[in-house]
C-alpha atoms as a PDB file:
ATOM      1  CA  MET A   1     128.491 113.169 138.859  1.00  0.00           C
ATOM      2  CA  HIS A   2     129.095 109.593 139.949  1.00  0.00           C
ATOM      3  CA  ILE A   3     131.971 108.866 142.309  1.00  0.00           C
ATOM      4  CA  CYS A   4     133.645 105.782 140.963  1.00  0.00           C
ATOM      5  CA  PRO A   5     135.184 103.333 143.440  1.00  0.00           C
ATOM      6  CA  MET A   6     138.914 103.094 142.856  1.00  0.00           C
ATOM      7  CA  LYS A   7     139.890  99.768 141.364  1.00  0.00           C
ATOM      8  CA  ASP A   8     143.450  98.504 141.366  1.00  0.00           C
ATOM      9  CA  ASP A   9     144.592 101.954 142.438  1.00  0.00           C
ATOM     10  CA  ILE A  10     143.317 103.615 139.288  1.00  0.00           C
ATOM     11  CA  VAL A  11     142.121 107.211 139.639  1.00  0.00           C
ATOM     12  CA  LYS A  12     140.197 109.411 137.197  1.00  0.00           C
ATOM     13  CA  ILE A  13     140.476 113.198 137.485  1.00  0.00           C
ATOM     14  CA  CYS A  14     138.351 115.659 135.513  1.00  0.00           C
ATOM     15  CA  HIS A  15     139.814 119.086 134.709  1.00  0.00           C
ATOM     16  CA  LEU A  16     137.933 122.180 133.559  1.00  0.00           C
ATOM     17  CA  SER A  17     138.695 125.882 133.652  1.00  0.00           C
ATOM     18  CA  ASP A  18     137.927 129.465 132.572  1.00  0.00           C
ATOM     19  CA  PHE A  19     134.132 129.678 132.721  1.00  0.00           C
ATOM     20  CA  HIS A  20     133.736 133.399 131.803  1.00  0.00           C
ATOM     21  CA  LEU A  21     129.962 133.060 131.935  1.00  0.00           C
ATOM     22  CA  PRO A  22     127.609 135.855 130.846  1.00  0.00           C
ATOM     23  CA  LEU A  23     126.702 138.026 133.829  1.00  0.00           C
ATOM     24  CA  PRO A  24     123.570 136.659 135.545  1.00  0.00           C
ATOM     25  CA  LYS A  25     122.128 140.161 136.097  1.00  0.00           C
ATOM     26  CA  GLU A  26     122.784 143.804 135.366  1.00  0.00           C
ATOM     27  CA  VAL A  27     125.741 145.362 137.131  1.00  0.00           C
ATOM     28  CA  PRO A  28     125.155 148.724 138.855  1.00  0.00           C
ATOM     29  CA  ILE A  29     127.231 151.432 137.230  1.00  0.00           C
ATOM     30  CA  SER A  30     128.801 152.146 140.634  1.00  0.00           C
ATOM     31  CA  ARG A  31     130.448 148.708 140.484  1.00  0.00           C
ATOM     32  CA  LEU A  32     131.958 149.310 137.060  1.00  0.00           C
ATOM     33  CA  LEU A  33     134.901 151.440 138.055  1.00  0.00           C
ATOM     34  CA  GLY A  34     138.465 151.080 136.768  1.00  0.00           C
ATOM     35  CA  LYS A  35     139.377 147.678 135.430  1.00  0.00           C
ATOM     36  CA  ARG A  36     135.859 146.302 135.910  1.00  0.00           C
ATOM     37  CA  LEU A  37     134.564 148.708 133.263  1.00  0.00           C
ATOM     38  CA  LEU A  38     137.085 147.345 130.756  1.00  0.00           C
ATOM     39  CA  GLY A  39     136.181 143.791 131.744  1.00  0.00           C
ATOM     40  CA  TRP A  40     132.462 144.491 131.404  1.00  0.00           C
ATOM     41  CA  ALA A  41     132.996 145.981 127.950  1.00  0.00           C
ATOM     42  CA  ASN A  42     135.118 142.980 126.871  1.00  0.00           C
ATOM     43  CA  LEU A  43     132.506 140.549 128.148  1.00  0.00           C
ATOM     44  CA  THR A  44     129.574 142.447 126.649  1.00  0.00           C
ATOM     45  CA  PHE A  45     130.938 143.244 123.207  1.00  0.00           C
ATOM     46  CA  LYS A  46     133.436 140.410 122.607  1.00  0.00           C
ATOM     47  CA  ARG A  47     133.199 137.385 124.852  1.00  0.00           C
ATOM     48  CA  SER A  48     129.397 137.276 124.863  1.00  0.00           C
ATOM     49  CA  GLY A  49     129.648 136.231 121.221  1.00  0.00           C
ATOM     50  CA  THR A  50     131.530 133.028 121.989  1.00  0.00           C
ATOM     51  CA  HIS A  51     131.238 132.227 125.726  1.00  0.00           C
ATOM     52  CA  LYS A  52     127.823 130.583 125.999  1.00  0.00           C
ATOM     53  CA  LEU A  53     126.011 129.673 129.211  1.00  0.00           C
ATOM     54  CA  LYS A  54     123.820 127.073 127.475  1.00  0.00           C
ATOM     55  CA  ALA A  55     126.844 125.297 126.008  1.00  0.00           C
ATOM     56  CA  PHE A  56     128.591 125.392 129.383  1.00  0.00           C
ATOM     57  CA  GLU A  57     125.567 123.827 131.080  1.00  0.00           C
ATOM     58  CA  ALA A  58     125.460 121.098 128.430  1.00  0.00           C
ATOM     59  CA  LEU A  59     129.117 120.386 129.162  1.00  0.00           C
ATOM     60  CA  LEU A  60     128.385 120.131 132.907  1.00  0.00           C
ATOM     61  CA  GLU A  61     125.424 117.854 132.225  1.00  0.00           C
ATOM     62  CA  HIS A  62     127.627 115.550 130.176  1.00  0.00           C
ATOM     63  CA  LEU A  63     130.309 115.624 132.867  1.00  0.00           C
ATOM     64  CA  ALA A  64     127.688 114.761 135.506  1.00  0.00           C
ATOM     65  CA  ALA A  65     126.935 111.473 133.778  1.00  0.00           C
ATOM     66  CA  GLN A  66     130.576 110.336 133.960  1.00  0.00           C
ATOM     67  CA  ASP A  67     132.571 108.654 136.724  1.00  0.00           C
ATOM     68  CA  PHE A  68     135.377 110.620 138.356  1.00  0.00           C
ATOM     69  CA  ASP A  69     137.261 110.456 141.628  1.00  0.00           C
ATOM     70  CA  MET A  70     137.974 114.195 141.633  1.00  0.00           C
ATOM     71  CA  VAL A  71     137.136 117.321 139.638  1.00  0.00           C
ATOM     72  CA  VAL A  72     139.650 120.176 139.551  1.00  0.00           C
ATOM     73  CA  VAL A  73     138.690 123.677 138.401  1.00  0.00           C
ATOM     74  CA  SER A  74     141.742 125.795 137.624  1.00  0.00           C
ATOM     75  CA  GLY A  75     140.385 129.324 137.951  1.00  0.00           C
ATOM     76  CA  ASP A  76     138.514 132.162 136.261  1.00  0.00           C
ATOM     77  CA  LEU A  77     135.220 130.941 137.619  1.00  0.00           C
ATOM     78  CA  VAL A  78     133.830 134.457 137.071  1.00  0.00           C
ATOM     79  CA  ASN A  79     134.590 137.627 135.109  1.00  0.00           C
ATOM     80  CA  LEU A  80     134.517 140.656 137.413  1.00  0.00           C
ATOM     81  CA  ALA A  81     134.908 139.050 140.867  1.00  0.00           C
ATOM     82  CA  LEU A  82     131.422 140.085 142.015  1.00  0.00           C
ATOM     83  CA  SER A  83     129.657 138.052 144.677  1.00  0.00           C
ATOM     84  CA  PHE A  84     126.534 137.256 142.622  1.00  0.00           C
ATOM     85  CA  GLU A  85     128.729 135.711 139.928  1.00  0.00           C
ATOM     86  CA  TYR A  86     129.983 133.148 142.434  1.00  0.00           C
ATOM     87  CA  SER A  87     126.407 132.415 143.508  1.00  0.00           C
ATOM     88  CA  GLN A  88     125.622 131.527 139.904  1.00  0.00           C
ATOM     89  CA  VAL A  89     128.631 129.198 139.705  1.00  0.00           C
ATOM     90  CA  THR A  90     127.742 127.471 142.972  1.00  0.00           C
ATOM     91  CA  GLU A  91     124.135 126.954 141.836  1.00  0.00           C
ATOM     92  CA  LEU A  92     125.348 125.374 138.608  1.00  0.00           C
ATOM     93  CA  PHE A  93     127.783 123.128 140.460  1.00  0.00           C
ATOM     94  CA  TYR A  94     125.074 121.732 142.700  1.00  0.00           C
ATOM     95  CA  LYS A  95     122.580 121.494 139.840  1.00  0.00           C
ATOM     96  CA  TYR A  96     124.925 119.200 137.938  1.00  0.00           C
ATOM     97  CA  GLY A  97     126.142 117.103 140.841  1.00  0.00           C
ATOM     98  CA  LEU A  98     129.496 118.628 141.751  1.00  0.00           C
ATOM     99  CA  VAL A  99     130.075 118.584 145.501  1.00  0.00           C
ATOM    100  CA  PRO A 100     132.820 120.088 147.686  1.00  0.00           C
ATOM    101  CA  GLU A 101     134.069 116.697 148.862  1.00  0.00           C
ATOM    102  CA  THR A 102     135.264 115.741 145.376  1.00  0.00           C
ATOM    103  CA  THR A 103     135.868 119.165 143.813  1.00  0.00           C
ATOM    104  CA  ILE A 104     138.952 121.371 144.055  1.00  0.00           C
ATOM    105  CA  VAL A 105     138.606 125.018 143.023  1.00  0.00           C
ATOM    106  CA  LEU A 106     141.374 127.540 142.421  1.00  0.00           C
ATOM    107  CA  PRO A 107     141.267 131.268 141.680  1.00  0.00           C
ATOM    108  CA  GLY A 108     142.337 132.720 138.347  1.00  0.00           C
ATOM    109  CA  ASN A 109     143.257 136.277 137.494  1.00  0.00           C
ATOM    110  CA  HIS A 110     139.570 137.171 136.997  1.00  0.00           C
ATOM    111  CA  ASP A 111     138.905 136.012 140.559  1.00  0.00           C
ATOM    112  CA  ARG A 112     141.453 138.620 141.744  1.00  0.00           C
ATOM    113  CA  TYR A 113     140.220 141.196 139.268  1.00  0.00           C
ATOM    114  CA  THR A 114     140.549 144.343 141.395  1.00  0.00           C
ATOM    115  CA  PRO A 115     142.673 145.406 144.382  1.00  0.00           C
ATOM    116  CA  GLY A 116     139.546 145.143 146.524  1.00  0.00           C
ATOM    117  CA  ALA A 117     138.749 141.639 145.269  1.00  0.00           C
ATOM    118  CA  GLN A 118     142.259 140.552 146.185  1.00  0.00           C
ATOM    119  CA  SER A 119     142.537 142.276 149.571  1.00  0.00           C
ATOM    120  CA  SER A 120     139.067 141.185 150.684  1.00  0.00           C
ATOM    121  CA  GLY A 121     139.609 137.590 149.541  1.00  0.00           C
ATOM    122  CA  ILE A 122     136.239 137.537 147.781  1.00  0.00           C
ATOM    123  CA  PHE A 123     137.054 134.245 146.037  1.00  0.00           C
ATOM    124  CA  GLU A 124     137.817 132.507 149.329  1.00  0.00           C
ATOM    125  CA  ARG A 125     134.763 134.028 151.028  1.00  0.00           C
ATOM    126  CA  ALA A 126     132.339 133.296 148.198  1.00  0.00           C
ATOM    127  CA  MET A 127     133.666 129.748 147.636  1.00  0.00           C
ATOM    128  CA  LYS A 128     134.205 128.983 151.327  1.00  0.00           C
ATOM    129  CA  GLN A 129     132.128 125.812 151.281  1.00  0.00           C
ATOM    130  CA  TRP A 130     134.265 124.494 148.413  1.00  0.00           C
ATOM    131  CA  LEU A 131     137.560 125.001 150.260  1.00  0.00           C
ATOM    132  CA  PRO A 132     139.021 122.976 153.154  1.00  0.00           C
ATOM    133  CA  ASN A 133     137.718 123.740 156.641  1.00  0.00           C
ATOM    134  CA  GLY A 134     139.493 126.689 158.216  1.00  0.00           C
ATOM    135  CA  PHE A 135     141.081 127.610 154.902  1.00  0.00           C
ATOM    136  CA  SER A 136     143.134 130.791 154.680  1.00  0.00           C
ATOM    137  CA  SER A 137     144.493 132.233 151.448  1.00  0.00           C
ATOM    138  CA  ARG A 138     147.688 133.200 153.278  1.00  0.00           C
ATOM    139  CA  THR A 139     148.470 129.709 154.526  1.00  0.00           C
ATOM    140  CA  GLY A 140     146.180 127.387 152.581  1.00  0.00           C
ATOM    141  CA  TYR A 141     147.740 127.128 149.137  1.00  0.00           C
ATOM    142  CA  PRO A 142     148.546 124.743 147.711  1.00  0.00           C
ATOM    143  CA  ILE A 143     145.381 122.793 148.490  1.00  0.00           C
ATOM    144  CA  VAL A 144     146.652 119.248 148.936  1.00  0.00           C
ATOM    145  CA  ARG A 145     144.557 116.098 148.610  1.00  0.00           C
ATOM    146  CA  SER A 146     145.644 112.503 148.235  1.00  0.00           C
ATOM    147  CA  VAL A 147     143.446 110.258 146.103  1.00  0.00           C
ATOM    148  CA  GLY A 148     144.636 106.673 145.821  1.00  0.00           C
ATOM    149  CA  PRO A 149     148.038 106.676 144.067  1.00  0.00           C
ATOM    150  CA  VAL A 150     147.886 110.437 143.381  1.00  0.00           C
ATOM    151  CA  THR A 151     148.630 113.579 145.399  1.00  0.00           C
ATOM    152  CA  ILE A 152     146.992 116.725 144.029  1.00  0.00           C
ATOM    153  CA  ALA A 153     148.593 120.073 144.926  1.00  0.00           C
ATOM    154  CA  ALA A 154     146.512 123.024 143.701  1.00  0.00           C
ATOM    155  CA  MET A 155     148.551 126.242 143.576  1.00  0.00           C
ATOM    156  CA  ASP A 156     147.309 129.843 143.553  1.00  0.00           C
ATOM    157  CA  THR A 157     149.073 131.874 140.833  1.00  0.00           C
ATOM    158  CA  ALA A 158     146.369 134.553 140.626  1.00  0.00           C
ATOM    159  CA  VAL A 159     147.198 138.132 141.569  1.00  0.00           C
ATOM    160  CA  TRP A 160     145.668 141.526 140.853  1.00  0.00           C
ATOM    161  CA  ARG A 161     147.326 143.382 137.999  1.00  0.00           C
ATOM    162  CA  GLY A 162     146.601 146.738 136.425  1.00  0.00           C
ATOM    163  CA  PRO A 163     144.379 147.297 133.381  1.00  0.00           C
ATOM    164  CA  LEU A 164     145.086 145.200 130.259  1.00  0.00           C
ATOM    165  CA  ARG A 165     147.254 142.761 132.211  1.00  0.00           C
ATOM    166  CA  ALA A 166     146.331 139.232 133.315  1.00  0.00           C
ATOM    167  CA  ALA A 167     149.711 137.767 134.271  1.00  0.00           C
ATOM    168  CA  GLY A 168     150.140 135.498 137.268  1.00  0.00           C
ATOM    169  CA  LEU A 169     152.756 135.134 139.963  1.00  0.00           C
ATOM    170  CA  VAL A 170     154.518 132.222 141.630  1.00  0.00           C
ATOM    171  CA  LYS A 171     154.247 133.203 145.279  1.00  0.00           C
ATOM    172  CA  THR A 172     157.258 132.400 147.439  1.00  0.00           C
ATOM    173  CA  SER A 173     155.254 131.222 150.440  1.00  0.00           C
ATOM    174  CA  SER A 174     153.161 128.806 148.358  1.00  0.00           C
ATOM    175  CA  LEU A 175     156.264 127.548 146.570  1.00  0.00           C
ATOM    176  CA  LYS A 176     157.891 126.718 149.914  1.00  0.00           C
ATOM    177  CA  ARG A 177     154.820 124.765 150.983  1.00  0.00           C
ATOM    178  CA  LEU A 178     154.780 122.958 147.640  1.00  0.00           C
ATOM    179  CA  ALA A 179     158.439 122.039 148.160  1.00  0.00           C
ATOM    180  CA  LYS A 180     157.429 120.199 151.344  1.00  0.00           C
ATOM    181  CA  VAL A 181     154.869 118.204 149.365  1.00  0.00           C
ATOM    182  CA  VAL A 182     157.487 117.398 146.712  1.00  0.00           C
ATOM    183  CA  SER A 183     159.935 116.172 149.357  1.00  0.00           C
ATOM    184  CA  ARG A 184     157.497 113.713 150.923  1.00  0.00           C
ATOM    185  CA  ASP A 185     158.810 110.185 151.009  1.00  0.00           C
ATOM    186  CA  ASP A 186     155.911 108.385 149.372  1.00  0.00           C
ATOM    187  CA  ASP A 187     155.276 106.767 146.022  1.00  0.00           C
ATOM    188  CA  ARG A 188     152.221 108.756 144.984  1.00  0.00           C
ATOM    189  CA  HIS A 189     152.287 110.507 141.625  1.00  0.00           C
ATOM    190  CA  LEU A 190     152.244 114.295 142.028  1.00  0.00           C
ATOM    191  CA  VAL A 191     149.647 116.313 140.119  1.00  0.00           C
ATOM    192  CA  VAL A 192     150.120 120.089 140.390  1.00  0.00           C
ATOM    193  CA  VAL A 193     147.307 122.400 139.282  1.00  0.00           C
ATOM    194  CA  THR A 194     147.797 126.094 138.438  1.00  0.00           C
ATOM    195  CA  HIS A 195     145.781 128.682 136.572  1.00  0.00           C
ATOM    196  CA  HIS A 196     148.682 130.113 134.562  1.00  0.00           C
ATOM    197  CA  PRO A 197     151.016 127.972 132.413  1.00  0.00           C
ATOM    198  CA  PRO A 198     154.558 127.347 133.737  1.00  0.00           C
ATOM    199  CA  PHE A 199     156.457 128.408 130.632  1.00  0.00           C
ATOM    200  CA  ARG A 200     157.250 131.530 128.666  1.00  0.00           C
ATOM    201  CA  LEU A 201     154.504 132.404 126.213  1.00  0.00           C
ATOM    202  CA  GLU A 202     155.553 132.415 122.592  1.00  0.00           C
ATOM    203  CA  GLY A 203     155.619 135.665 120.632  1.00  0.00           C
ATOM    204  CA  SER A 204     156.604 139.141 121.738  1.00  0.00           C
ATOM    205  CA  TRP A 205     157.857 140.005 125.224  1.00  0.00           C
ATOM    206  CA  ASN A 206     154.628 141.966 125.680  1.00  0.00           C
ATOM    207  CA  ARG A 207     152.496 138.847 125.346  1.00  0.00           C
ATOM    208  CA  HIS A 208     154.296 137.140 128.189  1.00  0.00           C
ATOM    209  CA  TYR A 209     154.301 140.345 130.246  1.00  0.00           C
ATOM    210  CA  ARG A 210     150.544 140.673 129.862  1.00  0.00           C
ATOM    211  CA  ASN A 211     149.474 137.030 130.214  1.00  0.00           C
ATOM    212  CA  GLY A 212     152.387 134.898 131.410  1.00  0.00           C
ATOM    213  CA  LEU A 213     153.487 133.665 134.816  1.00  0.00           C
ATOM    214  CA  SER A 214     156.090 135.723 136.658  1.00  0.00           C
ATOM    215  CA  GLY A 215     158.578 133.478 138.459  1.00  0.00           C
ATOM    216  CA  TYR A 216     157.612 130.392 136.449  1.00  0.00           C
ATOM    217  CA  LYS A 217     161.248 129.247 136.363  1.00  0.00           C
ATOM    218  CA  LYS A 218     161.215 128.735 140.131  1.00  0.00           C
ATOM    219  CA  LEU A 219     158.233 126.420 139.799  1.00  0.00           C
ATOM    220  CA  VAL A 220     159.840 124.564 136.901  1.00  0.00           C
ATOM    221  CA  ASP A 221     163.128 124.153 138.798  1.00  0.00           C
ATOM    222  CA  LEU A 222     161.242 122.578 141.692  1.00  0.00           C
ATOM    223  CA  LEU A 223     159.234 120.141 139.582  1.00  0.00           C
ATOM    224  CA  CYS A 224     161.078 119.304 136.368  1.00  0.00           C
ATOM    225  CA  HIS A 225     163.499 116.793 137.924  1.00  0.00           C
ATOM    226  CA  ARG A 226     160.784 114.427 139.080  1.00  0.00           C
ATOM    227  CA  LYS A 227     158.067 112.654 137.164  1.00  0.00           C
ATOM    228  CA  CYS A 228     154.863 114.644 137.692  1.00  0.00           C
ATOM    229  CA  THR A 229     151.902 116.162 135.872  1.00  0.00           C
ATOM    230  CA  LEU A 230     150.962 119.847 135.809  1.00  0.00           C
ATOM    231  CA  LEU A 231     147.488 120.944 134.705  1.00  0.00           C
ATOM    232  CA  HIS A 232     146.614 124.544 133.855  1.00  0.00           C
ATOM    233  CA  GLY A 233     144.083 126.802 132.145  1.00  0.00           C
ATOM    234  CA  HIS A 234     144.222 130.534 131.313  1.00  0.00           C
ATOM    235  CA  LEU A 235     145.200 130.279 127.635  1.00  0.00           C
ATOM    236  CA  HIS A 236     141.816 128.885 126.511  1.00  0.00           C
ATOM    237  CA  LYS A 237     143.662 126.395 124.311  1.00  0.00           C
ATOM    238  CA  LEU A 238     144.571 122.751 124.355  1.00  0.00           C
ATOM    239  CA  SER A 239     148.319 122.368 124.786  1.00  0.00           C
ATOM    240  CA  ARG A 240     150.820 119.811 125.986  1.00  0.00           C
ATOM    241  CA  ARG A 241     154.561 119.832 126.417  1.00  0.00           C
ATOM    242  CA  GLN A 242     157.265 118.023 128.340  1.00  0.00           C
ATOM    243  CA  ILE A 243     159.481 120.156 130.589  1.00  0.00           C
ATOM    244  CA  GLY A 244     162.164 117.889 131.978  1.00  0.00           C
ATOM    245  CA  LEU A 245     160.237 115.023 133.592  1.00  0.00           C
ATOM    246  CA  MET A 246     157.115 117.170 134.032  1.00  0.00           C
ATOM    247  CA  ASP A 247     154.128 116.629 131.727  1.00  0.00           C
ATOM    248  CA  VAL A 248     152.314 119.980 131.270  1.00  0.00           C
ATOM    249  CA  ILE A 249     148.745 119.986 129.880  1.00  0.00           C
ATOM    250  CA  GLY A 250     146.476 122.987 129.267  1.00  0.00           C
ATOM    251  CA  VAL A 251     142.684 122.781 128.979  1.00  0.00           C
ATOM    252  CA  PRO A 252     140.530 125.143 126.864  1.00  0.00           C
ATOM    253  CA  SER A 253     137.772 127.297 128.344  1.00  0.00           C
ATOM    254  CA  ALA A 254     134.691 125.364 129.457  1.00  0.00           C
ATOM    255  CA  SER A 255     132.287 127.804 127.767  1.00  0.00           C
ATOM    256  CA  ASN A 256     134.042 129.076 124.626  1.00  0.00           C
ATOM    257  CA  VAL A 257     132.324 128.108 121.361  1.00  0.00           C
ATOM    258  CA  THR A 258     135.021 128.791 118.757  1.00  0.00           C
ATOM    259  CA  GLY A 259     134.625 126.054 116.159  1.00  0.00           C
ATOM    260  CA  TYR A 260     138.343 125.213 116.340  1.00  0.00           C
ATOM    261  CA  LEU A 261     139.450 121.950 117.915  1.00  0.00           C
ATOM    262  CA  LYS A 262     142.286 123.395 120.021  1.00  0.00           C
ATOM    263  CA  SER A 263     140.075 126.064 121.608  1.00  0.00           C
ATOM    264  CA  GLN A 264     136.558 124.602 121.520  1.00  0.00           C
ATOM    265  CA  LEU A 265     134.931 124.241 124.938  1.00  0.00           C
ATOM    266  CA  SER A 266     135.860 120.963 126.578  1.00  0.00           C
ATOM    267  CA  TYR A 267     136.915 119.188 129.717  1.00  0.00           C
ATOM    268  CA  HIS A 268     139.814 116.796 130.174  1.00  0.00           C
ATOM    269  CA  VAL A 269     139.888 113.365 131.734  1.00  0.00           C
ATOM    270  CA  TYR A 270     143.120 111.998 133.186  1.00  0.00           C
ATOM    271  CA  THR A 271     143.607 108.425 134.324  1.00  0.00           C
ATOM    272  CA  PHE A 272     146.398 107.638 136.776  1.00  0.00           C
ATOM    273  CA  ASP A 273     147.809 104.543 138.390  1.00  0.00           C
ATOM    274  CA  LYS A 274     150.921 103.956 140.499  1.00  0.00           C
ATOM    275  CA  SER A 275     153.150 104.572 137.489  1.00  0.00           C
ATOM    276  CA  GLY A 276     151.638 108.025 136.834  1.00  0.00           C
ATOM    277  CA  LEU A 277     149.492 109.320 133.985  1.00  0.00           C
ATOM    278  CA  ILE A 278     148.365 106.460 131.775  1.00  0.00           C
ATOM    279  CA  ASN A 279     145.703 108.204 129.651  1.00  0.00           C
ATOM    280  CA  ALA A 280     144.817 111.815 128.808  1.00  0.00           C
ATOM    281  CA  GLU A 281     141.585 112.500 126.963  1.00  0.00           C
ATOM    282  CA  ALA A 282     139.724 115.627 125.833  1.00  0.00           C
ATOM    283  CA  VAL A 283     135.929 115.646 125.774  1.00  0.00           C
ATOM    284  CA  VAL A 284     135.031 118.343 123.243  1.00  0.00           C
ATOM    285  CA  HIS A 285     131.526 119.808 122.979  1.00  0.00           C
ATOM    286  CA  TRP A 286     130.161 120.774 119.547  1.00  0.00           C
ATOM    287  CA  PRO A 287     126.754 122.305 120.431  1.00  0.00           C
ATOM    288  CA  ASP A 288     125.865 123.072 116.802  1.00  0.00           C
ATOM    289  CA  ALA A 289     126.319 119.508 115.561  1.00  0.00           C
ATOM    290  CA  VAL A 290     123.187 118.350 113.756  1.00  0.00           C
ATOM    291  CA  ASP A 291     123.522 114.801 115.028  1.00  0.00           C
ATOM    292  CA  LYS A 292     123.146 114.796 118.829  1.00  0.00           C
ATOM    293  CA  GLU A 293     125.351 111.704 119.066  1.00  0.00           C
ATOM    294  CA  HIS A 294     128.276 113.732 117.747  1.00  0.00           C
ATOM    295  CA  ARG A 295     127.891 116.767 119.991  1.00  0.00           C
ATOM    296  CA  PHE A 296     130.464 115.328 122.372  1.00  0.00           C
ATOM    297  CA  GLU A 297     133.677 114.030 120.893  1.00  0.00           C
ATOM    298  CA  ARG A 298     136.349 112.139 122.821  1.00  0.00           C
ATOM    299  CA  ARG A 299     139.915 112.556 121.653  1.00  0.00           C
ATOM    300  CA  ILE A 300     143.177 111.209 123.018  1.00  0.00           C
ATOM    301  CA  ILE A 301     145.468 114.146 123.818  1.00  0.00           C
ATOM    302  CA  PRO A 302     148.718 113.726 121.829  1.00  0.00           C
ATOM    303  CA  GLY A 303     152.059 113.699 123.590  1.00  0.00           C
ATOM    304  CA  GLU A 304     152.957 117.200 122.402  1.00  0.00           C
ATOM    305  CA  ILE A 305     150.819 120.144 121.268  1.00  0.00           C
ATOM    306  CA  LEU A 306     152.708 123.410 121.199  1.00  0.00           C
ATOM    307  CA  ASN A 307     152.144 126.805 119.530  1.00  0.00           C
ATOM    308  CA  VAL A 308     150.322 128.507 122.384  1.00  0.00           C
END
């Protein structure tokens, strides 16, 4: 990845999420207890059919040839929160030119997959070199970085839940620290990054209970009265909506080969200046395209894409 010098206070941020890569080696049966067994079965018999390592690497290779000031990864780097999964992710990052200085990583629900993964802070330990020096999960979120006319605040909404549940949580302590960032007297545009989306999921109450964000209204109340941008993953679909003055954009999974535009693996590119977000673009990967020139398609993200 090339680091582009900022010109006229213009910043480019790349956003990708939800890797869900095939396991790099066999998992001992002793590690497949409780929820991990369900996750292993889902990955082996369902997700392995669509989440492709080769396609993900092609996406990273394409990303590496572009110019960005910052890359943000909004969680679910792995599936079962096992240490060797993070080693695979780190190797791929370095292979394709991502470096800690210009990369922000956040945990998703799969990074807090078990009570032990959460209590031991395996995400923070395994990704230590990608987090700020002296980082602590209890005091470190949101991760805050200022890049030219933009302040990025990366929130942790990931929390362990029981089997068949992947919902997130707006944590009071992190929300209080975010409030301090919001109240800063500067003219930078605020970009908040979360794993879970900050709105109620459409459909039955059970869908939101299983996959939504508990306490999302608190986050919305804090942010919706000022012009800002919120980026998220988790849903594996392209989405965009306006909530008050907040522009909310969801990115699909970075490895999911579905054949449908709204869910096909992709990364997003956002361009900001002093006025805020001036361009939002999806780079969609079609690995089965016969013509190599059409395997990566750039599309402007419309102002509103709902139905998620």
